[in-house]
């Protein structure tokens, strides 16, 4: 059982649901909640205007997060190539030179030996940096996070396309999904985040398409 009484004399709104009594200042915001309570008691679907506003804010953040992780994945992939490719080349040069010296009876010139030693040290340093910094692994984790944020973005866009389906349960579902993805996602630098939010707020936003990609095409 429910009932709502608007006390014109004192500008108070009185709502009775079951054996609970709620008294407060009458306002547009409070009237919305009354309508939600009434619809809930009738077993009807409750459409929340506030829920739509929350989803719109989360959509912007989801788009920004998606773009930021795509940027971080691209940056980590470039760093992986920048470190890994020279390491592979230097290691191949050292190995080839050593085998050549073993086949030769005269051995290597002292200057060539020094050069090979330097290349071997550089190759070892680059290989160690590649192993320690794990650029390839970071690129994969950022790509996975971007994919999850993209799926969540499409879910929010779908909900906003049908405003009548937005209710507290839907907003809570999106919040839990957002929290789970954010908790498992790797960190993104503030510089990338600011760039991503700027691009995600543009009306020409294209998922996974950055300004660097546009300049290369």
N, C-alpha and C. Protein backbone atom coordinates (compact mmCIF):
# COMPACT_ATOMS: atom_id res chain seq x y z
N UNK A 1 0.85 -1.19 0.00
CA UNK A 1 0.00 0.00 0.00
C UNK A 1 0.89 1.24 0.00
N UNK A 2 0.46 2.23 -0.74
CA UNK A 2 1.19 3.48 -0.78
C UNK A 2 0.19 4.62 -0.92
N UNK A 3 0.65 5.80 -0.54
CA UNK A 3 -0.15 7.01 -0.72
C UNK A 3 0.78 8.21 -0.65
N UNK A 4 0.41 9.29 -1.34
CA UNK A 4 1.20 10.52 -1.37
C UNK A 4 0.29 11.70 -1.13
N UNK A 5 0.69 12.58 -0.21
CA UNK A 5 -0.11 13.76 0.13
C UNK A 5 0.78 14.98 0.01
N UNK A 6 0.32 15.96 -0.74
CA UNK A 6 1.06 17.21 -0.89
C UNK A 6 0.39 18.27 -0.01
N UNK A 7 1.04 18.64 1.08
CA UNK A 7 0.51 19.62 2.02
C UNK A 7 0.80 21.02 1.47
N UNK A 8 -0.20 21.66 0.88
CA UNK A 8 -0.02 22.97 0.27
C UNK A 8 0.32 24.03 1.30
N UNK A 9 -0.22 23.90 2.51
CA UNK A 9 0.00 24.94 3.53
C UNK A 9 1.46 25.03 3.95
N UNK A 10 2.08 23.89 4.13
CA UNK A 10 3.47 23.88 4.61
C UNK A 10 4.47 23.52 3.54
N UNK A 11 3.98 23.32 2.29
CA UNK A 11 4.84 22.96 1.16
C UNK A 11 5.63 21.69 1.44
N UNK A 12 4.97 20.74 2.13
CA UNK A 12 5.61 19.48 2.43
C UNK A 12 4.96 18.37 1.61
N UNK A 13 5.74 17.37 1.34
CA UNK A 13 5.26 16.19 0.62
C UNK A 13 5.30 15.00 1.57
N UNK A 14 4.18 14.33 1.73
CA UNK A 14 4.07 13.20 2.63
C UNK A 14 3.82 11.95 1.81
N UNK A 15 4.71 10.97 1.95
CA UNK A 15 4.60 9.71 1.22
C UNK A 15 4.51 8.58 2.23
N UNK A 16 3.49 7.73 2.05
CA UNK A 16 3.30 6.58 2.92
C UNK A 16 3.42 5.32 2.07
N UNK A 17 4.41 4.48 2.39
CA UNK A 17 4.59 3.20 1.71
C UNK A 17 4.56 2.11 2.77
N UNK A 18 3.48 1.30 2.76
CA UNK A 18 3.32 0.30 3.80
C UNK A 18 3.11 0.96 5.14
N UNK A 19 3.98 0.65 6.09
CA UNK A 19 3.89 1.28 7.40
C UNK A 19 4.98 2.33 7.59
N UNK A 20 5.62 2.76 6.49
CA UNK A 20 6.67 3.77 6.56
C UNK A 20 6.11 5.12 6.13
N UNK A 21 6.50 6.18 6.87
CA UNK A 21 6.04 7.54 6.59
C UNK A 21 7.24 8.40 6.25
N UNK A 22 7.19 9.06 5.08
CA UNK A 22 8.27 9.93 4.64
C UNK A 22 7.71 11.34 4.46
N UNK A 23 8.37 12.32 5.11
CA UNK A 23 7.94 13.71 5.04
C UNK A 23 9.12 14.56 4.61
N UNK A 24 8.91 15.41 3.61
CA UNK A 24 9.99 16.27 3.13
C UNK A 24 9.45 17.44 2.35
N UNK A 25 10.36 18.33 1.96
CA UNK A 25 9.97 19.50 1.18
C UNK A 25 9.53 19.06 -0.21
N UNK A 26 8.43 19.61 -0.65
CA UNK A 26 7.93 19.30 -1.98
C UNK A 26 8.80 19.99 -3.02
N UNK A 27 9.27 19.26 -4.00
CA UNK A 27 10.10 19.81 -5.07
C UNK A 27 9.98 18.90 -6.28
N UNK A 28 10.47 19.39 -7.39
CA UNK A 28 10.43 18.59 -8.60
C UNK A 28 11.22 17.32 -8.45
N UNK A 29 12.38 17.42 -7.82
CA UNK A 29 13.21 16.25 -7.61
C UNK A 29 12.50 15.22 -6.75
N UNK A 30 11.85 15.69 -5.68
CA UNK A 30 11.17 14.77 -4.78
C UNK A 30 9.94 14.17 -5.45
N UNK A 31 9.28 14.95 -6.29
CA UNK A 31 8.13 14.40 -7.00
C UNK A 31 8.55 13.27 -7.93
N UNK A 32 9.72 13.39 -8.51
CA UNK A 32 10.20 12.31 -9.36
C UNK A 32 10.36 11.02 -8.56
N UNK A 33 10.90 11.17 -7.35
CA UNK A 33 11.08 9.99 -6.52
C UNK A 33 9.73 9.39 -6.11
N UNK A 34 8.76 10.25 -5.89
CA UNK A 34 7.43 9.74 -5.57
C UNK A 34 6.87 8.91 -6.71
N UNK A 35 7.02 9.42 -7.91
CA UNK A 35 6.56 8.68 -9.07
C UNK A 35 7.28 7.35 -9.20
N UNK A 36 8.58 7.33 -8.89
CA UNK A 36 9.32 6.08 -8.93
C UNK A 36 8.80 5.09 -7.90
N UNK A 37 8.52 5.61 -6.69
CA UNK A 37 7.99 4.74 -5.64
C UNK A 37 6.63 4.18 -6.04
N UNK A 38 5.79 5.04 -6.60
CA UNK A 38 4.46 4.60 -7.01
C UNK A 38 4.56 3.53 -8.08
N UNK A 39 5.42 3.78 -9.08
CA UNK A 39 5.56 2.81 -10.16
C UNK A 39 6.13 1.50 -9.64
N UNK A 40 7.07 1.58 -8.70
CA UNK A 40 7.65 0.36 -8.14
C UNK A 40 6.60 -0.45 -7.38
N UNK A 41 5.77 0.23 -6.61
CA UNK A 41 4.73 -0.46 -5.85
C UNK A 41 3.70 -1.10 -6.78
N UNK A 42 3.50 -0.51 -7.92
CA UNK A 42 2.56 -1.08 -8.90
C UNK A 42 3.18 -2.19 -9.73
N UNK A 43 4.48 -2.42 -9.55
CA UNK A 43 5.15 -3.43 -10.34
C UNK A 43 5.51 -2.98 -11.73
N UNK A 44 5.55 -1.66 -11.96
CA UNK A 44 5.87 -1.13 -13.27
C UNK A 44 7.36 -0.85 -13.36
N UNK A 45 7.85 -0.74 -14.60
CA UNK A 45 9.25 -0.40 -14.83
C UNK A 45 9.47 1.08 -14.51
N UNK A 46 10.52 1.35 -13.77
CA UNK A 46 10.82 2.72 -13.34
C UNK A 46 11.88 3.31 -14.27
N UNK A 47 11.56 4.38 -14.93
CA UNK A 47 12.51 5.09 -15.78
C UNK A 47 13.08 6.27 -15.01
N UNK A 48 14.41 6.32 -14.92
CA UNK A 48 15.06 7.34 -14.10
C UNK A 48 15.75 8.37 -14.99
N UNK A 49 15.30 9.64 -14.98
CA UNK A 49 16.02 10.69 -15.71
C UNK A 49 17.43 10.87 -15.19
N UNK A 50 17.60 10.73 -13.85
CA UNK A 50 18.93 10.85 -13.28
C UNK A 50 19.84 9.73 -13.76
N UNK A 51 19.26 8.53 -13.94
CA UNK A 51 20.05 7.41 -14.45
C UNK A 51 20.56 7.67 -15.85
N UNK A 52 19.77 8.33 -16.66
CA UNK A 52 20.20 8.67 -18.02
C UNK A 52 21.36 9.64 -17.98
N UNK A 53 21.32 10.61 -17.08
CA UNK A 53 22.41 11.57 -16.96
C UNK A 53 23.69 10.87 -16.49
N UNK A 54 23.53 9.93 -15.56
CA UNK A 54 24.70 9.19 -15.08
C UNK A 54 25.32 8.37 -16.20
N UNK A 55 24.49 7.69 -16.99
CA UNK A 55 25.00 6.88 -18.09
C UNK A 55 25.69 7.74 -19.14
N UNK A 56 25.19 8.94 -19.37
CA UNK A 56 25.83 9.84 -20.34
C UNK A 56 27.23 10.24 -19.86
N UNK A 57 27.37 10.49 -18.55
CA UNK A 57 28.69 10.82 -18.00
C UNK A 57 29.63 9.62 -18.09
N UNK A 58 29.10 8.45 -17.74
CA UNK A 58 29.92 7.24 -17.82
C UNK A 58 30.29 6.91 -19.26
N UNK A 59 29.42 7.24 -20.20
CA UNK A 59 29.74 6.99 -21.61
C UNK A 59 30.95 7.80 -22.04
N UNK A 60 31.01 9.06 -21.61
CA UNK A 60 32.16 9.90 -21.95
C UNK A 60 33.45 9.34 -21.35
N UNK A 61 33.37 8.90 -20.09
CA UNK A 61 34.55 8.33 -19.44
C UNK A 61 34.94 7.00 -20.07
N UNK A 62 33.95 6.21 -20.47
CA UNK A 62 34.24 4.93 -21.11
C UNK A 62 34.93 5.14 -22.45
N UNK A 63 34.45 6.10 -23.21
CA UNK A 63 35.08 6.41 -24.49
C UNK A 63 36.51 6.89 -24.28
N UNK A 64 36.71 7.73 -23.27
CA UNK A 64 38.06 8.21 -22.97
C UNK A 64 38.98 7.07 -22.54
N UNK A 65 38.47 6.17 -21.71
CA UNK A 65 39.28 5.04 -21.25
C UNK A 65 39.63 4.12 -22.41
N UNK A 66 38.67 3.89 -23.28
CA UNK A 66 38.92 3.05 -24.45
C UNK A 66 40.03 3.66 -25.31
N UNK A 67 39.91 4.94 -25.61
CA UNK A 67 40.90 5.62 -26.43
C UNK A 67 42.27 5.65 -25.76
N UNK A 68 42.30 5.87 -24.44
CA UNK A 68 43.57 5.94 -23.71
C UNK A 68 44.31 4.60 -23.77
N UNK A 69 43.58 3.51 -23.62
CA UNK A 69 44.23 2.20 -23.67
C UNK A 69 44.65 1.83 -25.09
N UNK A 70 43.91 2.28 -26.09
CA UNK A 70 44.37 2.07 -27.46
C UNK A 70 45.68 2.83 -27.71
N UNK A 71 45.75 4.07 -27.19
CA UNK A 71 46.98 4.85 -27.33
C UNK A 71 48.14 4.18 -26.58
N UNK A 72 47.86 3.68 -25.37
CA UNK A 72 48.91 3.04 -24.58
C UNK A 72 49.38 1.74 -25.26
N UNK A 73 48.45 1.02 -25.88
CA UNK A 73 48.83 -0.20 -26.59
C UNK A 73 49.72 0.12 -27.78
N UNK A 74 49.38 1.17 -28.51
CA UNK A 74 50.19 1.57 -29.65
C UNK A 74 51.58 2.03 -29.21
N UNK A 75 51.66 2.77 -28.11
CA UNK A 75 52.93 3.25 -27.60
C UNK A 75 53.80 2.09 -27.12
N UNK A 76 53.20 1.14 -26.41
CA UNK A 76 53.96 -0.02 -25.92
C UNK A 76 54.45 -0.88 -27.07
N UNK A 77 53.64 -1.03 -28.11
CA UNK A 77 54.07 -1.81 -29.28
C UNK A 77 55.25 -1.15 -29.98
N UNK A 78 55.22 0.18 -30.08
CA UNK A 78 56.35 0.89 -30.69
C UNK A 78 57.62 0.72 -29.87
N UNK A 79 57.49 0.82 -28.55
CA UNK A 79 58.66 0.66 -27.68
C UNK A 79 59.20 -0.77 -27.77
N UNK A 80 58.31 -1.74 -27.89
CA UNK A 80 58.75 -3.13 -28.02
C UNK A 80 59.58 -3.31 -29.28
N UNK A 81 59.13 -2.73 -30.39
CA UNK A 81 59.90 -2.81 -31.63
C UNK A 81 61.19 -2.02 -31.54
N UNK A 82 61.14 -0.84 -30.89
CA UNK A 82 62.31 0.02 -30.78
C UNK A 82 63.43 -0.66 -29.99
N UNK A 83 63.06 -1.44 -28.98
CA UNK A 83 64.06 -2.13 -28.16
C UNK A 83 64.37 -3.52 -28.70
N UNK A 84 63.34 -4.25 -29.11
CA UNK A 84 63.53 -5.65 -29.51
C UNK A 84 64.21 -5.83 -30.84
N UNK A 85 63.89 -4.98 -31.81
CA UNK A 85 64.48 -5.13 -33.13
C UNK A 85 65.99 -4.92 -33.13
N UNK A 86 66.52 -3.83 -32.53
CA UNK A 86 67.98 -3.69 -32.46
C UNK A 86 68.64 -4.82 -31.68
N UNK A 87 67.99 -5.28 -30.62
CA UNK A 87 68.57 -6.38 -29.83
C UNK A 87 68.71 -7.63 -30.68
N UNK A 88 67.69 -7.92 -31.48
CA UNK A 88 67.77 -9.10 -32.35
C UNK A 88 68.85 -8.95 -33.41
N UNK A 89 68.95 -7.74 -34.00
CA UNK A 89 69.96 -7.50 -35.03
C UNK A 89 71.37 -7.59 -34.46
N UNK A 90 71.60 -6.96 -33.31
CA UNK A 90 72.93 -6.98 -32.71
C UNK A 90 73.32 -8.40 -32.30
N UNK A 91 72.36 -9.15 -31.77
CA UNK A 91 72.67 -10.52 -31.38
C UNK A 91 73.03 -11.37 -32.59
N UNK A 92 72.33 -11.15 -33.71
CA UNK A 92 72.65 -11.89 -34.93
C UNK A 92 74.03 -11.53 -35.45
N UNK A 93 74.38 -10.23 -35.38
CA UNK A 93 75.70 -9.78 -35.84
C UNK A 93 76.80 -10.41 -35.00
N UNK A 94 76.61 -10.42 -33.68
CA UNK A 94 77.63 -11.00 -32.79
C UNK A 94 77.78 -12.49 -33.06
N UNK A 95 76.65 -13.18 -33.20
CA UNK A 95 76.73 -14.62 -33.45
C UNK A 95 77.41 -14.94 -34.77
N UNK A 96 77.07 -14.19 -35.80
CA UNK A 96 77.69 -14.42 -37.11
C UNK A 96 79.19 -14.14 -37.07
N UNK A 97 79.57 -13.08 -36.36
CA UNK A 97 80.99 -12.73 -36.27
C UNK A 97 81.77 -13.78 -35.51
N UNK A 98 81.20 -14.32 -34.46
CA UNK A 98 81.88 -15.36 -33.68
C UNK A 98 82.09 -16.61 -34.52
N UNK A 99 81.07 -17.03 -35.26
CA UNK A 99 81.22 -18.21 -36.10
C UNK A 99 82.24 -17.98 -37.20
N UNK A 100 82.29 -16.76 -37.74
CA UNK A 100 83.29 -16.44 -38.76
C UNK A 100 84.69 -16.52 -38.19
N UNK A 101 84.86 -16.04 -36.96
CA UNK A 101 86.18 -16.09 -36.32
C UNK A 101 86.60 -17.51 -36.04
N UNK A 102 85.65 -18.38 -35.71
CA UNK A 102 86.00 -19.79 -35.44
C UNK A 102 86.44 -20.50 -36.71
N UNK A 103 85.85 -20.13 -37.85
CA UNK A 103 86.22 -20.76 -39.11
C UNK A 103 87.52 -20.21 -39.69
N UNK A 104 87.92 -19.03 -39.20
CA UNK A 104 89.12 -18.40 -39.73
C UNK A 104 90.34 -18.81 -38.91
N UNK A 105 91.43 -19.08 -39.59
CA UNK A 105 92.67 -19.45 -38.89
C UNK A 105 93.39 -18.24 -38.33
N UNK A 106 93.20 -17.08 -38.95
CA UNK A 106 93.90 -15.88 -38.51
C UNK A 106 93.22 -15.18 -37.35
N UNK A 107 91.94 -15.45 -37.09
CA UNK A 107 91.23 -14.79 -36.01
C UNK A 107 90.76 -13.40 -36.43
N UNK A 108 90.31 -12.64 -35.46
CA UNK A 108 89.76 -11.31 -35.73
C UNK A 108 90.77 -10.24 -35.37
N UNK A 109 90.69 -9.15 -36.08
CA UNK A 109 91.50 -7.99 -35.76
C UNK A 109 91.08 -7.44 -34.40
N UNK A 110 92.01 -6.83 -33.70
CA UNK A 110 91.74 -6.33 -32.36
C UNK A 110 90.62 -5.30 -32.36
N UNK A 111 90.59 -4.44 -33.39
CA UNK A 111 89.55 -3.42 -33.45
C UNK A 111 88.17 -4.06 -33.69
N UNK A 112 88.16 -5.09 -34.51
CA UNK A 112 86.90 -5.79 -34.75
C UNK A 112 86.44 -6.51 -33.50
N UNK A 113 87.38 -7.03 -32.74
CA UNK A 113 87.03 -7.70 -31.48
C UNK A 113 86.37 -6.71 -30.50
N UNK A 114 86.96 -5.51 -30.43
CA UNK A 114 86.40 -4.50 -29.54
C UNK A 114 84.99 -4.12 -29.99
N UNK A 115 84.83 -3.96 -31.30
CA UNK A 115 83.51 -3.60 -31.83
C UNK A 115 82.49 -4.70 -31.55
N UNK A 116 82.88 -5.94 -31.73
CA UNK A 116 81.97 -7.06 -31.46
C UNK A 116 81.63 -7.11 -29.98
N UNK A 117 82.59 -6.83 -29.13
CA UNK A 117 82.33 -6.84 -27.69
C UNK A 117 81.33 -5.75 -27.31
N UNK A 118 81.50 -4.56 -27.90
CA UNK A 118 80.57 -3.46 -27.61
C UNK A 118 79.16 -3.81 -28.09
N UNK A 119 79.09 -4.37 -29.31
CA UNK A 119 77.77 -4.76 -29.83
C UNK A 119 77.14 -5.83 -28.95
N UNK A 120 77.93 -6.76 -28.47
CA UNK A 120 77.40 -7.81 -27.59
C UNK A 120 76.87 -7.23 -26.29
N UNK A 121 77.57 -6.25 -25.74
CA UNK A 121 77.12 -5.61 -24.50
C UNK A 121 75.81 -4.85 -24.74
N UNK A 122 75.75 -4.10 -25.84
CA UNK A 122 74.52 -3.35 -26.16
C UNK A 122 73.35 -4.30 -26.37
N UNK A 123 73.60 -5.41 -27.08
CA UNK A 123 72.54 -6.39 -27.31
C UNK A 123 72.05 -6.99 -25.99
N UNK A 124 72.98 -7.25 -25.08
CA UNK A 124 72.59 -7.80 -23.79
C UNK A 124 71.78 -6.80 -22.98
N UNK A 125 72.17 -5.53 -23.05
CA UNK A 125 71.42 -4.49 -22.32
C UNK A 125 70.01 -4.35 -22.88
N UNK A 126 69.90 -4.31 -24.21
CA UNK A 126 68.58 -4.18 -24.83
C UNK A 126 67.69 -5.38 -24.53
N UNK A 127 68.29 -6.56 -24.55
CA UNK A 127 67.52 -7.77 -24.22
C UNK A 127 67.05 -7.74 -22.77
N UNK A 128 67.93 -7.28 -21.88
CA UNK A 128 67.52 -7.17 -20.47
C UNK A 128 66.42 -6.15 -20.28
N UNK A 129 66.51 -5.01 -20.96
CA UNK A 129 65.46 -4.00 -20.87
C UNK A 129 64.14 -4.53 -21.41
N UNK A 130 64.21 -5.26 -22.51
CA UNK A 130 62.99 -5.82 -23.09
C UNK A 130 62.33 -6.82 -22.14
N UNK A 131 63.15 -7.61 -21.47
CA UNK A 131 62.61 -8.59 -20.52
C UNK A 131 62.04 -7.91 -19.27
N UNK A 132 62.75 -6.90 -18.79
CA UNK A 132 62.33 -6.23 -17.55
C UNK A 132 61.11 -5.34 -17.78
N UNK A 133 61.10 -4.56 -18.86
CA UNK A 133 60.02 -3.60 -19.10
C UNK A 133 58.77 -4.26 -19.66
N UNK A 134 58.89 -5.39 -20.32
CA UNK A 134 57.75 -6.18 -20.82
C UNK A 134 56.79 -5.33 -21.66
N UNK A 135 57.32 -4.69 -22.65
CA UNK A 135 56.48 -3.84 -23.50
C UNK A 135 55.42 -4.66 -24.24
N UNK A 136 55.80 -5.85 -24.71
CA UNK A 136 54.83 -6.68 -25.44
C UNK A 136 53.67 -7.09 -24.55
N UNK A 137 53.98 -7.46 -23.31
CA UNK A 137 52.92 -7.85 -22.37
C UNK A 137 52.02 -6.66 -22.03
N UNK A 138 52.63 -5.49 -21.85
CA UNK A 138 51.85 -4.29 -21.57
C UNK A 138 50.93 -3.94 -22.73
N UNK A 139 51.43 -4.11 -23.95
CA UNK A 139 50.60 -3.82 -25.12
C UNK A 139 49.39 -4.75 -25.16
N UNK A 140 49.59 -6.02 -24.83
CA UNK A 140 48.47 -6.97 -24.83
C UNK A 140 47.44 -6.63 -23.76
N UNK A 141 47.91 -6.24 -22.56
CA UNK A 141 46.97 -5.92 -21.49
C UNK A 141 46.19 -4.64 -21.80
N UNK A 142 46.85 -3.65 -22.39
CA UNK A 142 46.15 -2.42 -22.78
C UNK A 142 45.13 -2.69 -23.88
N UNK A 143 45.49 -3.56 -24.82
CA UNK A 143 44.55 -3.90 -25.88
C UNK A 143 43.33 -4.64 -25.32
N UNK A 144 43.57 -5.54 -24.36
CA UNK A 144 42.45 -6.23 -23.73
C UNK A 144 41.54 -5.28 -22.97
N UNK A 145 42.14 -4.31 -22.25
CA UNK A 145 41.34 -3.32 -21.53
C UNK A 145 40.54 -2.46 -22.49
N UNK A 146 41.16 -2.05 -23.59
CA UNK A 146 40.46 -1.22 -24.59
C UNK A 146 39.28 -1.97 -25.19
N UNK A 147 39.46 -3.27 -25.43
CA UNK A 147 38.37 -4.08 -25.98
C UNK A 147 37.21 -4.18 -25.00
N UNK A 148 37.52 -4.35 -23.71
CA UNK A 148 36.46 -4.42 -22.69
C UNK A 148 35.73 -3.09 -22.56
N UNK A 149 36.48 -1.99 -22.56
CA UNK A 149 35.83 -0.67 -22.49
C UNK A 149 34.98 -0.41 -23.73
N UNK A 150 35.42 -0.91 -24.88
CA UNK A 150 34.63 -0.76 -26.11
C UNK A 150 33.30 -1.49 -25.99
N UNK A 151 33.34 -2.71 -25.42
CA UNK A 151 32.10 -3.47 -25.23
C UNK A 151 31.16 -2.75 -24.26
N UNK A 152 31.73 -2.19 -23.18
CA UNK A 152 30.92 -1.45 -22.22
C UNK A 152 30.35 -0.18 -22.85
N UNK A 153 31.14 0.47 -23.69
CA UNK A 153 30.65 1.67 -24.38
C UNK A 153 29.45 1.35 -25.25
N UNK A 154 29.53 0.25 -25.98
CA UNK A 154 28.40 -0.15 -26.82
C UNK A 154 27.17 -0.50 -25.98
N UNK A 155 27.41 -1.08 -24.81
CA UNK A 155 26.28 -1.41 -23.92
C UNK A 155 25.59 -0.14 -23.44
N UNK A 156 26.37 0.88 -23.08
CA UNK A 156 25.78 2.14 -22.62
C UNK A 156 25.07 2.84 -23.77
N UNK A 157 25.68 2.83 -24.95
CA UNK A 157 25.03 3.46 -26.11
C UNK A 157 23.72 2.77 -26.45
N UNK A 158 23.69 1.46 -26.29
CA UNK A 158 22.45 0.73 -26.54
C UNK A 158 21.38 1.14 -25.54
N UNK A 159 21.77 1.28 -24.26
CA UNK A 159 20.80 1.67 -23.23
C UNK A 159 20.28 3.08 -23.48
N UNK A 160 21.17 3.99 -23.88
CA UNK A 160 20.75 5.36 -24.13
C UNK A 160 19.87 5.48 -25.37
N UNK A 161 19.96 4.48 -26.25
CA UNK A 161 19.10 4.48 -27.44
C UNK A 161 17.65 4.15 -27.10
N UNK A 162 17.46 3.51 -25.93
CA UNK A 162 16.11 3.16 -25.47
C UNK A 162 15.94 3.69 -24.04
N UNK A 163 15.69 4.98 -23.89
CA UNK A 163 15.63 5.60 -22.55
C UNK A 163 14.61 4.94 -21.62
N UNK A 164 13.56 4.36 -22.18
CA UNK A 164 12.52 3.77 -21.34
C UNK A 164 13.02 2.55 -20.59
N UNK A 165 14.16 1.97 -21.00
CA UNK A 165 14.70 0.78 -20.34
C UNK A 165 15.67 1.13 -19.22
N UNK A 166 15.98 2.42 -19.05
CA UNK A 166 16.95 2.82 -18.04
C UNK A 166 16.29 2.81 -16.66
N UNK A 167 16.84 2.05 -15.76
CA UNK A 167 16.36 2.02 -14.38
C UNK A 167 17.54 1.79 -13.44
N UNK A 168 17.25 1.69 -12.17
CA UNK A 168 18.32 1.54 -11.18
C UNK A 168 19.10 0.25 -11.38
N UNK A 169 18.43 -0.82 -11.77
CA UNK A 169 19.12 -2.09 -11.98
C UNK A 169 20.12 -2.00 -13.13
N UNK A 170 19.72 -1.33 -14.19
CA UNK A 170 20.61 -1.18 -15.34
C UNK A 170 21.82 -0.32 -14.99
N UNK A 171 21.58 0.77 -14.28
CA UNK A 171 22.69 1.64 -13.88
C UNK A 171 23.66 0.88 -12.97
N UNK A 172 23.12 0.08 -12.07
CA UNK A 172 23.96 -0.71 -11.17
C UNK A 172 24.75 -1.75 -11.95
N UNK A 173 24.14 -2.34 -12.95
CA UNK A 173 24.83 -3.32 -13.80
C UNK A 173 26.01 -2.67 -14.52
N UNK A 174 25.80 -1.48 -15.07
CA UNK A 174 26.87 -0.78 -15.76
C UNK A 174 27.97 -0.38 -14.79
N UNK A 175 27.57 0.06 -13.59
CA UNK A 175 28.57 0.45 -12.59
C UNK A 175 29.46 -0.72 -12.21
N UNK A 176 28.87 -1.88 -11.99
CA UNK A 176 29.66 -3.05 -11.60
C UNK A 176 30.61 -3.45 -12.73
N UNK A 177 30.13 -3.39 -13.97
CA UNK A 177 30.99 -3.72 -15.10
C UNK A 177 32.13 -2.71 -15.24
N UNK A 178 31.80 -1.42 -15.04
CA UNK A 178 32.81 -0.37 -15.12
C UNK A 178 33.87 -0.57 -14.03
N UNK A 179 33.43 -0.87 -12.82
CA UNK A 179 34.37 -1.08 -11.71
C UNK A 179 35.27 -2.28 -11.97
N UNK A 180 34.70 -3.36 -12.50
CA UNK A 180 35.48 -4.58 -12.73
C UNK A 180 36.55 -4.34 -13.80
N UNK A 181 36.18 -3.65 -14.88
CA UNK A 181 37.15 -3.39 -15.95
C UNK A 181 38.24 -2.44 -15.47
N UNK A 182 37.84 -1.39 -14.74
CA UNK A 182 38.82 -0.42 -14.24
C UNK A 182 39.80 -1.06 -13.28
N UNK A 183 39.31 -1.98 -12.44
CA UNK A 183 40.17 -2.63 -11.45
C UNK A 183 41.22 -3.51 -12.13
N UNK A 184 40.86 -4.17 -13.20
CA UNK A 184 41.79 -5.09 -13.88
C UNK A 184 42.63 -4.41 -14.94
N UNK A 185 42.29 -3.19 -15.31
CA UNK A 185 43.01 -2.50 -16.40
C UNK A 185 44.34 -1.94 -15.88
N UNK A 186 45.38 -1.94 -16.71
CA UNK A 186 46.66 -1.33 -16.30
C UNK A 186 46.55 0.19 -16.26
N UNK A 187 47.51 0.81 -15.60
CA UNK A 187 47.51 2.26 -15.47
C UNK A 187 47.88 2.93 -16.80
N UNK A 188 47.32 4.13 -16.96
CA UNK A 188 47.61 4.95 -18.14
C UNK A 188 48.14 6.30 -17.65
N UNK A 189 49.15 6.81 -18.31
CA UNK A 189 49.74 8.08 -17.89
C UNK A 189 48.72 9.21 -18.03
N UNK A 190 48.91 10.23 -17.22
CA UNK A 190 47.99 11.37 -17.26
C UNK A 190 48.03 12.08 -18.61
N UNK A 191 49.20 12.09 -19.26
CA UNK A 191 49.31 12.74 -20.57
C UNK A 191 48.45 12.01 -21.61
N UNK A 192 48.51 10.69 -21.61
CA UNK A 192 47.69 9.93 -22.55
C UNK A 192 46.21 10.08 -22.21
N UNK A 193 45.90 10.11 -20.90
CA UNK A 193 44.51 10.23 -20.49
C UNK A 193 43.91 11.56 -20.95
N UNK A 194 44.66 12.64 -20.80
CA UNK A 194 44.17 13.95 -21.24
C UNK A 194 43.96 13.99 -22.74
N UNK A 195 44.90 13.44 -23.49
CA UNK A 195 44.74 13.39 -24.95
C UNK A 195 43.54 12.53 -25.34
N UNK A 196 43.37 11.42 -24.64
CA UNK A 196 42.25 10.52 -24.97
C UNK A 196 40.91 11.18 -24.68
N UNK A 197 40.79 11.85 -23.55
CA UNK A 197 39.54 12.51 -23.21
C UNK A 197 39.22 13.63 -24.19
N UNK A 198 40.26 14.31 -24.67
CA UNK A 198 40.04 15.37 -25.64
C UNK A 198 39.53 14.81 -26.96
N UNK A 199 40.10 13.70 -27.40
CA UNK A 199 39.65 13.09 -28.64
C UNK A 199 38.31 12.40 -28.48
N UNK A 200 38.08 11.78 -27.32
CA UNK A 200 36.81 11.08 -27.11
C UNK A 200 35.65 12.05 -27.02
N UNK A 201 35.91 13.29 -26.61
CA UNK A 201 34.85 14.28 -26.53
C UNK A 201 34.52 14.93 -27.85
N UNK A 202 35.32 14.61 -28.89
CA UNK A 202 35.07 15.19 -30.20
C UNK A 202 33.90 14.49 -30.87
N UNK A 203 33.15 15.24 -31.65
CA UNK A 203 32.02 14.67 -32.37
C UNK A 203 32.49 13.76 -33.51
N UNK A 204 33.78 13.84 -33.85
CA UNK A 204 34.34 12.99 -34.90
C UNK A 204 35.07 11.79 -34.30
N UNK A 205 34.69 11.40 -33.10
CA UNK A 205 35.35 10.29 -32.41
C UNK A 205 35.18 9.00 -33.19
N UNK A 206 36.29 8.31 -33.44
CA UNK A 206 36.27 6.99 -34.06
C UNK A 206 37.07 6.05 -33.16
N UNK A 207 36.48 4.98 -32.62
CA UNK A 207 37.18 4.09 -31.69
C UNK A 207 38.45 3.51 -32.32
N UNK A 208 39.56 3.62 -31.59
CA UNK A 208 40.82 3.04 -32.05
C UNK A 208 41.54 3.84 -33.12
N UNK A 209 40.99 5.00 -33.51
CA UNK A 209 41.58 5.82 -34.57
C UNK A 209 42.15 7.06 -33.94
N UNK A 210 43.47 7.15 -33.84
CA UNK A 210 44.12 8.27 -33.18
C UNK A 210 44.64 9.26 -34.20
N UNK A 211 45.08 10.40 -33.69
CA UNK A 211 45.61 11.42 -34.59
C UNK A 211 46.90 10.93 -35.26
N UNK A 212 47.69 10.09 -34.56
CA UNK A 212 48.90 9.56 -35.15
C UNK A 212 48.56 8.67 -36.33
N UNK A 213 47.50 7.87 -36.19
CA UNK A 213 47.08 7.02 -37.29
C UNK A 213 46.64 7.84 -38.49
N UNK A 214 45.93 8.95 -38.21
CA UNK A 214 45.45 9.81 -39.28
C UNK A 214 46.60 10.46 -40.03
N UNK A 215 47.65 10.85 -39.29
CA UNK A 215 48.77 11.52 -39.93
C UNK A 215 49.60 10.57 -40.78
N UNK A 216 49.57 9.26 -40.44
CA UNK A 216 50.34 8.28 -41.19
C UNK A 216 49.62 7.85 -42.45
N UNK A 217 48.29 8.00 -42.48
CA UNK A 217 47.53 7.53 -43.64
C UNK A 217 47.51 8.55 -44.76
